[in-house]
Structures are given as C-alpha cells and as structure tokens.
Amino acid sequence: MRNDIGKTIGIIGAGAIGAAFAKALARHGIEAVIANSRGPDTLQDAVRAIGPSIRAGTREQAAAQDIVLVAVNWSKLPAALAGLPDFGGRIVIDANNPIEAPLFRPVDLHGISSTAVFAGLVPGARVVKAFNHLQPALVSGDPQADGGRRVLFLSGDDAGAKAEVATLIARLGFLGIDLGTLDAGGRQHQFPGGPLAALNLVAIDAR
C-alpha cells in the first residue's frame, strides 16, 4: 500500500538504525515493511512496540518496495543483500557505516567510499546515502529542536532519487541538506572519517 508520500517503503535491518527509521515513520503514520535475517516471526513483538503502520516481512518483501532503506552491520551486508533481484531503478537508501560493535574499529576500504562498496551490492538501484550520520535516538526522536529542525544529510548521483528521499526526510520533519554526489558528498557524512559525521545540527527557522 502506498503512503501519503506516494511510495511504498521497505527496511532491511531491524537493528538500532533500522528500528529508529521505522519509529520515525510510525510517528507520522507512514506504513513500511521491516525485515531482518531471522524472519518476520522474530519481529512481531518489535513491530507491535513501534506502531501499527509498521509490519514485519521477509527480506524479499522489504526489498520489493519503492524505497528501501538498508541498515545492517557492515560485515553482514553481503549476506543480507545476496540473491535479491535487480532493483530495476528503485531507490535504495544506504544508512550504513563501515564500523560495528564491539570494537568500533573503522574498516579499511582501501580509499573507496563506503557507499561505493554498498552500491556494488545492490545492482540496478538508485542509491542515496542518508539516515547514517545521526545517533539512532535522534533519528527516531522529535526533529523539532531549539526553534528549528534537525538536519539530515543526503548524497547521491541521481537527482530524481535524491528529490524523493528529500521529500521523505521533510515529511518526517527534518531538514534535508544535499551534499552532492555519492563519492564527494557521501565521504562528508560517512562515519567514521567524514567531517560532518555524527554532527547534530539544527537549522533555526527564520522569523
């Protein structure tokens, strides 16, 4: 079923970032299907806690939606995306960072941006990097803060895909700032290493 943004939404990964994104959607009554590696039965309690607009599904069901956000531990990304059909020009949001618990040591990508690695795992997708630079509690929380709107960065090579993700970001109450291409812009908010990573910025509304 299409949401009021005109797109169906899927989430692959039900960890901290995926769940935070689902909660942000639920706060606005936006429907989505969320999946993990263990199957929808293991998510029933979690989706009930998030809200009625979020339902559990299979990885394939989540991947079949118009806009798909992927948020998986870096080392598990290849397995999480393996075997999925070509995305056929649909939008895939890269909300991943090349670092994970428990050591939180950055992965050596040999000079390649993390989103370039990610894009190679989602053939046919129009990739937009977003929802990766804020702490999960800030993604799921109220974006209205200190008289303004909390900032979410996005980057990508497809202008139409970025416009649709920007519309979603605005619908969730955030201010989206386009940083440019996946390579140049994505490196700016890639965590760790990007100069804009983990920055909690608020754009003050003019009076």
C-alpha atoms as a PDB file:
ATOM      1  CA  MET A   1       0.000   0.000   0.000  1.00  0.00           C
ATOM      2  CA  ARG A   2       1.315   3.427  -0.942  1.00  0.00           C
ATOM      3  CA  ASN A   3       1.815   6.023   1.761  1.00  0.00           C
ATOM      4  CA  ASP A   4       0.877   9.683   1.603  1.00  0.00           C
ATOM      5  CA  ILE A   5       4.321  10.279   0.100  1.00  0.00           C
ATOM      6  CA  GLY A   6       3.238   8.165  -2.859  1.00  0.00           C
ATOM      7  CA  LYS A   7       5.813   5.421  -2.328  1.00  0.00           C
ATOM      8  CA  THR A   8       5.955   2.097  -0.531  1.00  0.00           C
ATOM      9  CA  ILE A   9       8.810   1.696   1.947  1.00  0.00           C
ATOM     10  CA  GLY A  10      10.874  -1.308   2.980  1.00  0.00           C
ATOM     11  CA  ILE A  11      13.552  -1.624   5.651  1.00  0.00           C
ATOM     12  CA  ILE A  12      16.248  -4.303   5.597  1.00  0.00           C
ATOM     13  CA  GLY A  13      17.802  -4.484   9.035  1.00  0.00           C
ATOM     14  CA  ALA A  14      15.987  -4.199  12.348  1.00  0.00           C
ATOM     15  CA  GLY A  15      18.922  -3.078  14.482  1.00  0.00           C
ATOM     16  CA  ALA A  16      19.376   0.347  16.012  1.00  0.00           C
ATOM     17  CA  ILE A  17      19.272   2.403  12.802  1.00  0.00           C
ATOM     18  CA  GLY A  18      16.597   0.383  11.015  1.00  0.00           C
ATOM     19  CA  ALA A  19      14.361   0.420  14.083  1.00  0.00           C
ATOM     20  CA  ALA A  20      14.928   4.155  14.570  1.00  0.00           C
ATOM     21  CA  PHE A  21      13.877   4.816  10.974  1.00  0.00           C
ATOM     22  CA  ALA A  22      10.794   2.647  11.477  1.00  0.00           C
ATOM     23  CA  LYS A  23       9.897   4.608  14.615  1.00  0.00           C
ATOM     24  CA  ALA A  24      10.281   7.896  12.734  1.00  0.00           C
ATOM     25  CA  LEU A  25       7.888   6.605  10.071  1.00  0.00           C
ATOM     26  CA  ALA A  26       5.446   5.329  12.686  1.00  0.00           C
ATOM     27  CA  ARG A  27       5.361   8.718  14.431  1.00  0.00           C
ATOM     28  CA  HIS A  28       3.782  10.038  11.244  1.00  0.00           C
ATOM     29  CA  GLY A  29       1.624   7.024  10.499  1.00  0.00           C
ATOM     30  CA  ILE A  30       3.702   6.099   7.432  1.00  0.00           C
ATOM     31  CA  GLU A  31       3.460   2.430   6.524  1.00  0.00           C
ATOM     32  CA  ALA A  32       6.520   0.255   5.958  1.00  0.00           C
ATOM     33  CA  VAL A  33       7.625  -3.356   5.983  1.00  0.00           C
ATOM     34  CA  ILE A  34      10.718  -4.240   8.017  1.00  0.00           C
ATOM     35  CA  ALA A  35      12.826  -7.385   7.749  1.00  0.00           C
ATOM     36  CA  ASN A  36      15.767  -8.995   9.475  1.00  0.00           C
ATOM     37  CA  SER A  37      17.906 -12.063   8.849  1.00  0.00           C
ATOM     38  CA  ARG A  38      15.891 -14.323  11.156  1.00  0.00           C
ATOM     39  CA  GLY A  39      12.434 -13.974   9.632  1.00  0.00           C
ATOM     40  CA  PRO A  40       9.261 -11.985  10.325  1.00  0.00           C
ATOM     41  CA  ASP A  41       8.127 -14.152  13.242  1.00  0.00           C
ATOM     42  CA  THR A  42      11.057 -12.851  15.299  1.00  0.00           C
ATOM     43  CA  LEU A  43       9.956  -9.246  14.759  1.00  0.00           C
ATOM     44  CA  GLN A  44       6.341  -9.420  15.892  1.00  0.00           C
ATOM     45  CA  ASP A  45       6.934  -8.011  19.376  1.00  0.00           C
ATOM     46  CA  ALA A  46       9.213  -5.293  17.997  1.00  0.00           C
ATOM     47  CA  VAL A  47       6.752  -4.057  15.376  1.00  0.00           C
ATOM     48  CA  ARG A  48       3.912  -4.021  17.896  1.00  0.00           C
ATOM     49  CA  ALA A  49       6.037  -1.761  20.075  1.00  0.00           C
ATOM     50  CA  ILE A  50       6.910   0.521  17.165  1.00  0.00           C
ATOM     51  CA  GLY A  51       3.370   1.126  15.959  1.00  0.00           C
ATOM     52  CA  PRO A  52       0.546  -0.127  13.735  1.00  0.00           C
ATOM     53  CA  SER A  53       1.910   1.353  10.493  1.00  0.00           C
ATOM     54  CA  ILE A  54       4.960  -0.953  10.587  1.00  0.00           C
ATOM     55  CA  ARG A  55       4.677  -4.633   9.725  1.00  0.00           C
ATOM     56  CA  ALA A  56       7.209  -7.441   9.701  1.00  0.00           C
ATOM     57  CA  GLY A  57       8.032  -9.108   6.417  1.00  0.00           C
ATOM     58  CA  THR A  58      10.617 -11.172   4.643  1.00  0.00           C
ATOM     59  CA  ARG A  59      13.817  -9.725   3.258  1.00  0.00           C
ATOM     60  CA  GLU A  60      12.401 -10.161  -0.243  1.00  0.00           C
ATOM     61  CA  GLN A  61       9.200  -8.311   0.650  1.00  0.00           C
ATOM     62  CA  ALA A  62      11.126  -5.384   2.104  1.00  0.00           C
ATOM     63  CA  ALA A  63      13.438  -5.273  -0.916  1.00  0.00           C
ATOM     64  CA  ALA A  64      10.469  -5.153  -3.321  1.00  0.00           C
ATOM     65  CA  GLN A  65       9.243  -1.735  -2.136  1.00  0.00           C
ATOM     66  CA  ASP A  66       9.667   1.561  -3.995  1.00  0.00           C
ATOM     67  CA  ILE A  67      12.124   2.962  -1.442  1.00  0.00           C
ATOM     68  CA  VAL A  68      14.281   0.530   0.519  1.00  0.00           C
ATOM     69  CA  LEU A  69      16.444   1.581   3.460  1.00  0.00           C
ATOM     70  CA  VAL A  70      19.281  -0.800   4.312  1.00  0.00           C
ATOM     71  CA  ALA A  71      20.877  -0.650   7.766  1.00  0.00           C
ATOM     72  CA  VAL A  72      22.901  -3.761   8.587  1.00  0.00           C
ATOM     73  CA  ASN A  73      26.166  -4.423  10.407  1.00  0.00           C
ATOM     74  CA  TRP A  74      28.911  -3.791   7.869  1.00  0.00           C
ATOM     75  CA  SER A  75      30.311  -7.313   7.891  1.00  0.00           C
ATOM     76  CA  LYS A  76      26.817  -8.756   7.310  1.00  0.00           C
ATOM     77  CA  LEU A  77      25.873  -6.567   4.362  1.00  0.00           C
ATOM     78  CA  PRO A  78      26.914  -9.024   1.620  1.00  0.00           C
ATOM     79  CA  ALA A  79      24.831 -11.822   3.137  1.00  0.00           C
ATOM     80  CA  ALA A  80      21.887  -9.514   3.815  1.00  0.00           C
ATOM     81  CA  LEU A  81      21.725  -8.432   0.167  1.00  0.00           C
ATOM     82  CA  ALA A  82      22.852 -11.600  -1.573  1.00  0.00           C
ATOM     83  CA  GLY A  83      20.440 -13.190  -4.024  1.00  0.00           C
ATOM     84  CA  LEU A  84      17.974 -10.303  -4.201  1.00  0.00           C
ATOM     85  CA  PRO A  85      16.647  -9.444  -7.676  1.00  0.00           C
ATOM     86  CA  ASP A  86      17.957  -6.449  -9.589  1.00  0.00           C
ATOM     87  CA  PHE A  87      16.411  -3.318  -8.104  1.00  0.00           C
ATOM     88  CA  GLY A  88      15.346  -2.074 -11.509  1.00  0.00           C
ATOM     89  CA  GLY A  89      15.865   1.623 -10.884  1.00  0.00           C
ATOM     90  CA  ARG A  90      14.172   1.701  -7.492  1.00  0.00           C
ATOM     91  CA  ILE A  91      15.646   3.818  -4.692  1.00  0.00           C
ATOM     92  CA  VAL A  92      17.861   2.210  -2.062  1.00  0.00           C
ATOM     93  CA  ILE A  93      18.962   4.297   0.914  1.00  0.00           C
ATOM     94  CA  ASP A  94      22.400   3.464   2.266  1.00  0.00           C
ATOM     95  CA  ALA A  95      22.169   4.068   6.012  1.00  0.00           C
ATOM     96  CA  ASN A  96      25.280   2.026   6.765  1.00  0.00           C
ATOM     97  CA  ASN A  97      28.672   2.932   8.170  1.00  0.00           C
ATOM     98  CA  PRO A  98      31.892   0.880   7.863  1.00  0.00           C
ATOM     99  CA  ILE A  99      32.218   0.269  11.576  1.00  0.00           C
ATOM    100  CA  GLU A 100      30.485  -2.008  14.062  1.00  0.00           C
ATOM    101  CA  ALA A 101      30.408  -3.222  17.639  1.00  0.00           C
ATOM    102  CA  PRO A 102      32.051  -4.332  19.791  1.00  0.00           C
ATOM    103  CA  LEU A 103      35.427  -2.841  18.805  1.00  0.00           C
ATOM    104  CA  PHE A 104      34.163   0.047  16.643  1.00  0.00           C
ATOM    105  CA  ARG A 105      37.290  -0.004  14.535  1.00  0.00           C
ATOM    106  CA  PRO A 106      36.901   1.528  11.070  1.00  0.00           C
ATOM    107  CA  VAL A 107      37.028  -0.923   8.188  1.00  0.00           C
ATOM    108  CA  ASP A 108      39.899  -0.383   5.756  1.00  0.00           C
ATOM    109  CA  LEU A 109      38.162   0.317   2.446  1.00  0.00           C
ATOM    110  CA  HIS A 110      41.444   0.996   0.602  1.00  0.00           C
ATOM    111  CA  GLY A 111      40.386   4.506  -0.347  1.00  0.00           C
ATOM    112  CA  ILE A 112      36.952   3.562  -1.684  1.00  0.00           C
ATOM    113  CA  SER A 113      33.934   5.263  -0.161  1.00  0.00           C
ATOM    114  CA  SER A 114      31.626   3.046   1.855  1.00  0.00           C
ATOM    115  CA  THR A 115      28.698   3.872  -0.420  1.00  0.00           C
ATOM    116  CA  ALA A 116      30.658   2.799  -3.493  1.00  0.00           C
ATOM    117  CA  VAL A 117      31.120  -0.585  -1.823  1.00  0.00           C
ATOM    118  CA  PHE A 118      27.433  -0.653  -0.889  1.00  0.00           C
ATOM    119  CA  ALA A 119      26.290   0.282  -4.398  1.00  0.00           C
ATOM    120  CA  GLY A 120      28.073  -2.771  -5.742  1.00  0.00           C
ATOM    121  CA  LEU A 121      25.816  -4.957  -3.593  1.00  0.00           C
ATOM    122  CA  VAL A 122      22.518  -3.510  -4.892  1.00  0.00           C
ATOM    123  CA  PRO A 123      22.573  -3.838  -8.702  1.00  0.00           C
ATOM    124  CA  GLY A 124      20.087  -1.678 -10.543  1.00  0.00           C
ATOM    125  CA  ALA A 125      19.443   0.584  -7.546  1.00  0.00           C
ATOM    126  CA  ARG A 126      19.475   4.362  -7.492  1.00  0.00           C
ATOM    127  CA  VAL A 127      21.479   4.735  -4.297  1.00  0.00           C
ATOM    128  CA  VAL A 128      21.098   7.640  -1.913  1.00  0.00           C
ATOM    129  CA  LYS A 129      23.167   7.857   1.265  1.00  0.00           C
ATOM    130  CA  ALA A 130      21.091   9.175   4.183  1.00  0.00           C
ATOM    131  CA  PHE A 131      19.997   8.458   7.769  1.00  0.00           C
ATOM    132  CA  ASN A 132      23.507   7.301   8.658  1.00  0.00           C
ATOM    133  CA  HIS A 133      25.139  10.236  10.428  1.00  0.00           C
ATOM    134  CA  LEU A 134      22.845  10.823  13.416  1.00  0.00           C
ATOM    135  CA  GLN A 135      22.577   8.697  16.525  1.00  0.00           C
ATOM    136  CA  PRO A 136      19.519   6.415  16.315  1.00  0.00           C
ATOM    137  CA  ALA A 137      17.753   8.199  19.180  1.00  0.00           C
ATOM    138  CA  LEU A 138      17.910  11.439  17.204  1.00  0.00           C
ATOM    139  CA  VAL A 139      16.501   9.776  14.093  1.00  0.00           C
ATOM    140  CA  SER A 140      13.545   8.334  15.992  1.00  0.00           C
ATOM    141  CA  GLY A 141      13.019  11.381  18.207  1.00  0.00           C
ATOM    142  CA  ASP A 142      11.329  14.710  17.594  1.00  0.00           C
ATOM    143  CA  PRO A 143      13.215  16.577  14.837  1.00  0.00           C
ATOM    144  CA  GLN A 144      11.891  19.902  16.116  1.00  0.00           C
ATOM    145  CA  ALA A 145      14.570  21.278  18.421  1.00  0.00           C
ATOM    146  CA  ASP A 146      15.712  24.674  19.723  1.00  0.00           C
ATOM    147  CA  GLY A 147      13.370  26.593  17.476  1.00  0.00           C
ATOM    148  CA  GLY A 148      14.332  24.786  14.305  1.00  0.00           C
ATOM    149  CA  ARG A 149      14.581  21.447  12.529  1.00  0.00           C
ATOM    150  CA  ARG A 150      17.260  18.828  12.973  1.00  0.00           C
ATOM    151  CA  VAL A 151      19.426  18.357   9.869  1.00  0.00           C
ATOM    152  CA  LEU A 152      19.766  15.133   7.884  1.00  0.00           C
ATOM    153  CA  PHE A 153      22.402  14.948   5.164  1.00  0.00           C
ATOM    154  CA  LEU A 154      21.891  13.102   1.911  1.00  0.00           C
ATOM    155  CA  SER A 155      24.007  12.463  -1.151  1.00  0.00           C
ATOM    156  CA  GLY A 156      23.598  10.627  -4.421  1.00  0.00           C
ATOM    157  CA  ASP A 157      24.240  10.611  -8.146  1.00  0.00           C
ATOM    158  CA  ASP A 158      20.598  10.571  -9.279  1.00  0.00           C
ATOM    159  CA  ALA A 159      18.798  13.901  -8.860  1.00  0.00           C
ATOM    160  CA  GLY A 160      15.333  12.339  -9.005  1.00  0.00           C
ATOM    161  CA  ALA A 161      16.169   9.769  -6.341  1.00  0.00           C
ATOM    162  CA  LYS A 162      17.598  12.446  -4.069  1.00  0.00           C
ATOM    163  CA  ALA A 163      14.469  14.554  -4.533  1.00  0.00           C
ATOM    164  CA  GLU A 164      12.261  11.666  -3.433  1.00  0.00           C
ATOM    165  CA  VAL A 165      14.404  10.933  -0.376  1.00  0.00           C
ATOM    166  CA  ALA A 166      14.429  14.647   0.445  1.00  0.00           C
ATOM    167  CA  THR A 167      10.612  14.607   0.300  1.00  0.00           C
ATOM    168  CA  LEU A 168      10.572  11.711   2.761  1.00  0.00           C
ATOM    169  CA  ILE A 169      13.033  13.485   5.052  1.00  0.00           C
ATOM    170  CA  ALA A 170      10.836  16.591   5.030  1.00  0.00           C
ATOM    171  CA  ARG A 171       7.722  14.506   5.674  1.00  0.00           C
ATOM    172  CA  LEU A 172       9.443  13.187   8.815  1.00  0.00           C
ATOM    173  CA  GLY A 173      10.039  16.769   9.952  1.00  0.00           C
ATOM    174  CA  PHE A 174      13.788  17.007   9.303  1.00  0.00           C
ATOM    175  CA  LEU A 175      15.658  19.453   7.115  1.00  0.00           C
ATOM    176  CA  GLY A 176      17.483  17.584   4.373  1.00  0.00           C
ATOM    177  CA  ILE A 177      20.734  19.029   3.065  1.00  0.00           C
ATOM    178  CA  ASP A 178      22.029  17.693  -0.245  1.00  0.00           C
ATOM    179  CA  LEU A 179      25.814  17.312  -0.140  1.00  0.00           C
ATOM    180  CA  GLY A 180      26.233  16.299  -3.780  1.00  0.00           C
ATOM    181  CA  THR A 181      27.420  13.070  -5.353  1.00  0.00           C
ATOM    182  CA  LEU A 182      27.785   9.706  -3.669  1.00  0.00           C
ATOM    183  CA  ASP A 183      31.559   9.935  -3.763  1.00  0.00           C
ATOM    184  CA  ALA A 184      32.198  13.565  -2.855  1.00  0.00           C
ATOM    185  CA  GLY A 185      29.132  14.102  -0.690  1.00  0.00           C
ATOM    186  CA  GLY A 186      28.994  10.632   0.770  1.00  0.00           C
ATOM    187  CA  ARG A 187      32.503  10.921   2.130  1.00  0.00           C
ATOM    188  CA  GLN A 188      31.452  14.064   4.009  1.00  0.00           C
ATOM    189  CA  HIS A 189      28.903  12.256   6.188  1.00  0.00           C
ATOM    190  CA  GLN A 190      30.426   8.787   6.191  1.00  0.00           C
ATOM    191  CA  PHE A 191      31.160   7.624   9.722  1.00  0.00           C
ATOM    192  CA  PRO A 192      33.931   7.418  10.731  1.00  0.00           C
ATOM    193  CA  GLY A 193      36.111   9.875   8.861  1.00  0.00           C
ATOM    194  CA  GLY A 194      33.637  12.302   7.361  1.00  0.00           C
ATOM    195  CA  PRO A 195      33.875  15.858   8.727  1.00  0.00           C
ATOM    196  CA  LEU A 196      30.070  16.033   9.046  1.00  0.00           C
ATOM    197  CA  ALA A 197      29.589  12.585  10.571  1.00  0.00           C
ATOM    198  CA  ALA A 198      27.784  12.466  13.923  1.00  0.00           C
ATOM    199  CA  LEU A 199      27.095  16.220  13.896  1.00  0.00           C
ATOM    200  CA  ASN A 200      23.751  17.063  15.499  1.00  0.00           C
ATOM    201  CA  LEU A 201      22.886  20.270  13.664  1.00  0.00           C
ATOM    202  CA  VAL A 202      19.664  22.264  13.925  1.00  0.00           C
ATOM    203  CA  ALA A 203      18.574  24.766  11.276  1.00  0.00           C
ATOM    204  CA  ILE A 204      16.846  27.663  13.012  1.00  0.00           C
ATOM    205  CA  ASP A 205      13.663  28.770  11.313  1.00  0.00           C
ATOM    206  CA  ALA A 206      13.691  32.436  10.320  1.00  0.00           C
ATOM    207  CA  ARG A 207      11.056  34.585  11.992  1.00  0.00           C
END
